[in-house]
Amino acid sequence: GAHRDLHSQEHSFPTRRSSDLITEMVGMTEQVSFQVGSATSIPFDDDTFDASTMLHVGMNIPDKELLFNEIARVTKLNGSIVVYDVM
């Protein structure tokens, strides 16, 4: 499936712009899009992604159970969830 990256609402316009520029530079504008959303209410349907990643996000979310439930919800059954974080 398509890869999507959820940006934190705390990211500023210049950060999002940099992401768009890098995506364009590597020729992946048709495969990648960026969306603003909440990690505890991910704006995608159940079973949307083959894989989900979380990089240095969980340490900032107080409700860990809700966070991981949301990641599991949008990840397909038998999909992969990869976490790199300090919790």
N, C-alpha and C. Protein backbone atom coordinates (compact mmCIF):
# COMPACT_ATOMS: atom_id res chain seq x y z
N GLY A 1 0.82 -1.20 0.00
CA GLY A 1 0.00 0.00 0.00
C GLY A 1 0.85 1.24 0.00
N ALA A 2 0.18 2.35 -0.18
CA ALA A 2 0.87 3.64 -0.21
C ALA A 2 1.42 3.97 1.16
N HIS A 3 2.55 4.62 1.20
CA HIS A 3 3.17 5.05 2.45
C HIS A 3 2.69 6.45 2.76
N ARG A 4 2.27 6.67 3.98
CA ARG A 4 1.85 8.00 4.40
C ARG A 4 2.52 8.31 5.73
N ASP A 5 2.85 9.55 5.91
CA ASP A 5 3.53 9.98 7.13
C ASP A 5 2.64 11.02 7.80
N LEU A 6 2.31 10.78 9.06
CA LEU A 6 1.52 11.74 9.80
C LEU A 6 2.44 12.72 10.51
N HIS A 7 2.28 13.98 10.21
CA HIS A 7 3.07 15.01 10.89
C HIS A 7 2.35 15.43 12.15
N SER A 8 3.09 15.67 13.18
CA SER A 8 2.54 16.21 14.42
C SER A 8 1.94 17.58 14.15
N GLN A 9 0.90 17.91 14.87
CA GLN A 9 0.30 19.24 14.73
C GLN A 9 1.28 20.32 15.16
N GLU A 10 2.31 19.93 15.87
CA GLU A 10 3.30 20.90 16.33
C GLU A 10 4.28 21.30 15.23
N HIS A 11 4.31 20.53 14.13
CA HIS A 11 5.25 20.85 13.05
C HIS A 11 4.82 22.16 12.41
N SER A 12 5.81 22.97 12.10
CA SER A 12 5.53 24.26 11.50
C SER A 12 5.46 24.15 9.98
N PHE A 13 4.97 25.19 9.35
CA PHE A 13 4.89 25.23 7.89
C PHE A 13 6.24 24.96 7.24
N PRO A 14 7.35 25.61 7.71
CA PRO A 14 8.64 25.33 7.05
C PRO A 14 9.03 23.86 7.10
N THR A 15 8.72 23.15 8.19
CA THR A 15 9.04 21.73 8.27
C THR A 15 8.23 20.96 7.23
N ARG A 16 6.96 21.22 7.12
CA ARG A 16 6.13 20.55 6.13
C ARG A 16 6.61 20.88 4.73
N ARG A 17 6.99 22.08 4.49
CA ARG A 17 7.49 22.49 3.18
C ARG A 17 8.77 21.73 2.85
N SER A 18 9.66 21.59 3.81
CA SER A 18 10.89 20.82 3.60
C SER A 18 10.57 19.38 3.24
N SER A 19 9.59 18.80 3.93
CA SER A 19 9.18 17.43 3.62
C SER A 19 8.70 17.32 2.19
N ASP A 20 7.89 18.26 1.77
CA ASP A 20 7.39 18.25 0.39
C ASP A 20 8.52 18.40 -0.62
N LEU A 21 9.48 19.28 -0.32
CA LEU A 21 10.61 19.48 -1.23
C LEU A 21 11.48 18.22 -1.34
N ILE A 22 11.75 17.59 -0.22
CA ILE A 22 12.55 16.36 -0.24
C ILE A 22 11.83 15.27 -1.02
N THR A 23 10.52 15.15 -0.80
CA THR A 23 9.73 14.15 -1.53
C THR A 23 9.81 14.39 -3.03
N GLU A 24 9.74 15.64 -3.43
CA GLU A 24 9.84 15.99 -4.85
C GLU A 24 11.25 15.69 -5.38
N MET A 25 12.27 16.03 -4.59
CA MET A 25 13.65 15.80 -5.02
C MET A 25 13.93 14.33 -5.31
N VAL A 26 13.35 13.43 -4.54
CA VAL A 26 13.61 12.00 -4.74
C VAL A 26 12.58 11.35 -5.66
N GLY A 27 11.74 12.18 -6.27
CA GLY A 27 10.80 11.69 -7.27
C GLY A 27 9.69 10.80 -6.72
N MET A 28 9.22 11.08 -5.51
CA MET A 28 8.20 10.22 -4.90
C MET A 28 6.89 10.95 -4.62
N THR A 29 6.61 12.04 -5.34
CA THR A 29 5.40 12.80 -5.06
C THR A 29 4.13 12.01 -5.33
N GLU A 30 4.18 11.00 -6.18
CA GLU A 30 3.00 10.16 -6.45
C GLU A 30 2.83 9.07 -5.39
N GLN A 31 3.88 8.73 -4.64
CA GLN A 31 3.83 7.65 -3.66
C GLN A 31 3.69 8.13 -2.22
N VAL A 32 4.00 9.39 -1.96
CA VAL A 32 4.04 9.90 -0.58
C VAL A 32 3.22 11.18 -0.48
N SER A 33 2.44 11.26 0.59
CA SER A 33 1.76 12.52 0.90
C SER A 33 1.87 12.74 2.40
N PHE A 34 1.73 13.97 2.83
CA PHE A 34 1.85 14.33 4.23
C PHE A 34 0.52 14.87 4.71
N GLN A 35 0.13 14.45 5.92
CA GLN A 35 -1.14 14.87 6.50
C GLN A 35 -0.93 15.23 7.96
N VAL A 36 -1.64 16.23 8.42
CA VAL A 36 -1.61 16.60 9.83
C VAL A 36 -2.72 15.83 10.53
N GLY A 37 -2.39 15.26 11.69
CA GLY A 37 -3.39 14.52 12.42
C GLY A 37 -2.94 14.24 13.84
N SER A 38 -3.84 13.70 14.61
CA SER A 38 -3.55 13.35 16.00
C SER A 38 -3.17 11.88 16.08
N ALA A 39 -2.13 11.57 16.82
CA ALA A 39 -1.69 10.18 16.99
C ALA A 39 -2.70 9.36 17.79
N THR A 40 -3.59 10.03 18.51
CA THR A 40 -4.60 9.31 19.29
C THR A 40 -5.96 9.30 18.59
N SER A 41 -6.00 9.83 17.39
CA SER A 41 -7.21 9.78 16.55
C SER A 41 -6.76 9.89 15.11
N ILE A 42 -6.09 8.85 14.63
CA ILE A 42 -5.46 8.86 13.31
C ILE A 42 -6.54 8.95 12.23
N PRO A 43 -6.42 9.93 11.31
CA PRO A 43 -7.48 10.19 10.33
C PRO A 43 -7.48 9.24 9.12
N PHE A 44 -7.44 7.93 9.40
CA PHE A 44 -7.50 6.93 8.34
C PHE A 44 -8.41 5.80 8.79
N ASP A 45 -8.96 5.07 7.82
CA ASP A 45 -9.84 3.95 8.11
C ASP A 45 -9.07 2.79 8.74
N ASP A 46 -9.80 1.89 9.36
CA ASP A 46 -9.22 0.66 9.91
C ASP A 46 -8.51 -0.11 8.78
N ASP A 47 -7.43 -0.80 9.13
CA ASP A 47 -6.72 -1.68 8.20
C ASP A 47 -6.28 -0.98 6.91
N THR A 48 -5.78 0.23 7.04
CA THR A 48 -5.35 1.00 5.86
C THR A 48 -3.92 0.65 5.43
N PHE A 49 -3.01 0.45 6.39
CA PHE A 49 -1.59 0.36 6.06
C PHE A 49 -1.01 -1.03 6.25
N ASP A 50 -0.11 -1.40 5.35
CA ASP A 50 0.64 -2.66 5.47
C ASP A 50 1.64 -2.56 6.61
N ALA A 51 2.14 -1.36 6.86
CA ALA A 51 3.12 -1.14 7.93
C ALA A 51 2.93 0.26 8.50
N SER A 52 3.21 0.39 9.79
CA SER A 52 3.16 1.69 10.45
C SER A 52 4.45 1.88 11.23
N THR A 53 4.92 3.12 11.28
CA THR A 53 6.13 3.42 12.05
C THR A 53 5.85 4.56 13.02
N MET A 54 6.58 4.53 14.12
CA MET A 54 6.49 5.61 15.10
C MET A 54 7.92 5.93 15.53
N LEU A 55 8.37 7.14 15.24
CA LEU A 55 9.73 7.56 15.56
C LEU A 55 9.68 8.76 16.50
N HIS A 56 10.09 8.57 17.74
CA HIS A 56 10.15 9.64 18.74
C HIS A 56 8.84 10.40 18.87
N VAL A 57 7.74 9.66 18.92
CA VAL A 57 6.42 10.26 19.10
C VAL A 57 5.83 9.83 20.44
N GLY A 58 5.91 8.55 20.74
CA GLY A 58 5.26 7.97 21.91
C GLY A 58 5.63 8.63 23.21
N MET A 59 6.86 9.10 23.33
CA MET A 59 7.29 9.72 24.58
C MET A 59 6.51 11.00 24.87
N ASN A 60 5.88 11.57 23.84
CA ASN A 60 5.14 12.81 24.00
C ASN A 60 3.63 12.62 24.16
N ILE A 61 3.17 11.39 24.10
CA ILE A 61 1.74 11.09 24.19
C ILE A 61 1.45 10.46 25.55
N PRO A 62 0.68 11.13 26.40
CA PRO A 62 0.42 10.59 27.74
C PRO A 62 -0.35 9.26 27.74
N ASP A 63 -1.33 9.12 26.86
CA ASP A 63 -2.17 7.93 26.85
C ASP A 63 -1.58 6.88 25.89
N LYS A 64 -0.62 6.11 26.40
CA LYS A 64 0.09 5.11 25.57
C LYS A 64 -0.86 4.03 25.04
N GLU A 65 -1.82 3.62 25.86
CA GLU A 65 -2.76 2.57 25.42
C GLU A 65 -3.57 3.05 24.21
N LEU A 66 -4.09 4.27 24.26
CA LEU A 66 -4.84 4.81 23.14
C LEU A 66 -3.95 4.95 21.91
N LEU A 67 -2.73 5.42 22.11
CA LEU A 67 -1.77 5.57 21.02
C LEU A 67 -1.56 4.25 20.29
N PHE A 68 -1.24 3.20 21.04
CA PHE A 68 -0.96 1.91 20.40
C PHE A 68 -2.22 1.27 19.82
N ASN A 69 -3.37 1.51 20.44
CA ASN A 69 -4.63 1.02 19.87
C ASN A 69 -4.89 1.66 18.51
N GLU A 70 -4.61 2.95 18.39
CA GLU A 70 -4.81 3.65 17.12
C GLU A 70 -3.85 3.14 16.05
N ILE A 71 -2.58 2.94 16.42
CA ILE A 71 -1.62 2.42 15.45
C ILE A 71 -2.06 1.03 14.98
N ALA A 72 -2.48 0.19 15.91
CA ALA A 72 -2.94 -1.15 15.55
C ALA A 72 -4.19 -1.08 14.68
N ARG A 73 -5.07 -0.16 14.95
CA ARG A 73 -6.33 -0.03 14.20
C ARG A 73 -6.09 0.26 12.72
N VAL A 74 -5.16 1.16 12.42
CA VAL A 74 -4.93 1.54 11.03
C VAL A 74 -3.97 0.61 10.30
N THR A 75 -3.33 -0.30 11.04
CA THR A 75 -2.40 -1.26 10.44
C THR A 75 -3.15 -2.55 10.13
N LYS A 76 -2.95 -3.08 8.92
CA LYS A 76 -3.63 -4.30 8.50
C LYS A 76 -3.23 -5.49 9.38
N LEU A 77 -4.16 -6.43 9.51
CA LEU A 77 -3.88 -7.67 10.22
C LEU A 77 -2.64 -8.32 9.61
N ASN A 78 -1.73 -8.77 10.42
CA ASN A 78 -0.45 -9.33 9.98
C ASN A 78 0.48 -8.29 9.38
N GLY A 79 0.16 -7.00 9.55
CA GLY A 79 1.05 -5.93 9.11
C GLY A 79 2.17 -5.74 10.13
N SER A 80 3.06 -4.83 9.83
CA SER A 80 4.19 -4.56 10.72
C SER A 80 4.02 -3.21 11.40
N ILE A 81 4.38 -3.18 12.69
CA ILE A 81 4.43 -1.92 13.43
C ILE A 81 5.85 -1.80 13.97
N VAL A 82 6.52 -0.72 13.61
CA VAL A 82 7.91 -0.51 14.01
C VAL A 82 7.96 0.74 14.89
N VAL A 83 8.55 0.58 16.08
CA VAL A 83 8.62 1.68 17.04
C VAL A 83 10.09 1.93 17.39
N TYR A 84 10.51 3.19 17.29
CA TYR A 84 11.82 3.61 17.74
C TYR A 84 11.58 4.83 18.62
N ASP A 85 11.69 4.64 19.91
CA ASP A 85 11.27 5.70 20.82
C ASP A 85 11.93 5.53 22.18
N VAL A 86 11.92 6.58 22.95
CA VAL A 86 12.34 6.56 24.34
C VAL A 86 11.06 6.76 25.14
N MET A 87 10.68 5.74 25.92
CA MET A 87 9.44 5.88 26.65
C MET A 87 9.76 5.66 28.08
